[in-house]
Protein backbone atom coordinates (compact mmCIF):
# COMPACT_ATOMS: atom_id res chain seq x y z
CA MET A 1 62.08 133.68 154.73
CA THR A 2 63.50 136.77 156.37
CA GLN A 3 64.35 139.75 154.22
CA LEU A 4 67.45 141.79 154.82
CA SER A 5 67.32 145.33 153.53
CA ALA A 6 69.37 148.50 153.70
CA LEU A 7 72.57 146.53 153.35
CA GLU A 8 75.41 148.74 152.18
CA ILE A 9 77.73 146.83 149.85
CA PRO A 10 80.78 148.50 148.30
CA ASP A 11 80.45 148.96 144.54
CA ALA A 12 83.45 146.77 143.71
CA LEU A 13 82.10 143.92 145.83
CA TYR A 14 78.65 144.25 144.30
CA THR A 15 80.18 144.10 140.81
CA GLN A 16 82.04 140.91 141.72
CA ILE A 17 78.87 139.30 143.11
CA GLN A 18 76.93 140.41 140.05
CA GLY A 19 79.54 138.83 137.77
CA MET A 20 79.44 135.58 139.74
CA ALA A 21 75.65 135.53 139.58
CA LEU A 22 75.66 136.07 135.82
CA SER A 23 78.24 133.33 135.26
CA GLN A 24 76.19 130.87 137.29
CA SER A 25 72.81 131.93 135.88
CA SER A 26 71.51 132.93 139.29
CA SER A 27 70.15 136.09 140.80
CA ILE A 28 72.27 138.41 142.89
CA ASN A 29 70.17 137.46 145.91
CA GLU A 30 70.79 133.73 145.31
CA GLN A 31 74.50 134.39 144.90
CA ILE A 32 74.70 136.36 148.15
CA VAL A 33 72.86 133.60 150.03
CA THR A 34 75.20 130.98 148.51
CA LEU A 35 78.28 132.98 149.49
CA LEU A 36 77.00 133.52 153.03
CA GLN A 37 76.21 129.82 153.41
CA ARG A 38 79.69 128.86 152.21
CA ALA A 39 81.27 131.29 154.65
CA LEU A 40 79.22 129.86 157.51
CA ASP A 41 80.10 126.29 156.52
CA ILE A 42 83.81 127.13 156.41
CA GLU A 43 83.63 128.83 159.82
CA ALA A 44 81.78 125.85 161.33
CA GLN A 45 84.45 123.51 159.93
CA ARG A 46 87.22 125.73 161.31
CA GLN A 47 85.63 125.73 164.77
CA SER A 48 85.19 121.95 164.64
CA GLN A 49 88.84 121.46 163.72
CA ALA A 50 89.94 123.83 166.48
CA LYS A 51 87.86 121.86 169.00
CA ILE A 52 89.37 118.56 167.82
CA LEU A 53 92.89 119.96 168.11
CA GLN A 54 92.13 121.31 171.57
CA ASP A 55 90.80 117.90 172.66
CA ILE A 56 93.93 116.20 171.30
CA HIS A 57 96.17 118.65 173.12
CA GLN A 58 94.31 118.14 176.40
CA ALA A 59 94.42 114.35 176.04
CA ARG A 60 98.16 114.30 175.32
CA TRP A 61 100.10 112.26 177.84
CA THR A 62 102.82 114.03 179.74
CA PRO A 63 105.35 112.16 181.84
CA PRO A 64 105.54 112.85 185.56
CA ALA A 65 108.02 115.49 186.65
CA ILE A 66 110.28 112.91 188.30
CA ALA A 67 110.62 110.76 185.14
CA PRO A 68 114.12 110.77 183.63
CA ASP A 69 114.54 112.11 180.13
CA SER A 70 115.16 109.78 177.19
CA VAL A 71 118.84 110.67 176.88
CA THR A 72 119.49 109.65 180.48
CA LEU A 73 117.62 106.37 179.97
CA LEU A 74 119.60 105.55 176.80
CA ARG A 75 122.89 106.26 178.56
CA GLU A 76 121.92 103.93 181.40
CA ILE A 77 120.88 101.18 178.97
CA ARG A 78 124.08 101.50 176.93
CA GLY A 79 126.27 101.74 180.04
CA TYR A 80 127.62 105.23 179.43
CA ASP A 81 128.80 107.20 182.42
CA PHE A 82 129.18 110.87 181.56
């Protein structure tokens, strides 16, 4: 396992992590690793969702430029001449 040292953490953030570690009966190191893993999981999920949305957008059907709009089609079907 790789060790990370000389990491500067603001005091307030360290206190929060320390409190979380105490409440979950884990070490500060374990808590930091857990928090980092959660953050990475959330980011991976966000990227996956963004990719899915991009694929959906690219696969969306668009009518040809010469196709009449729906209002025009409805008027023709209903026999309106405006």
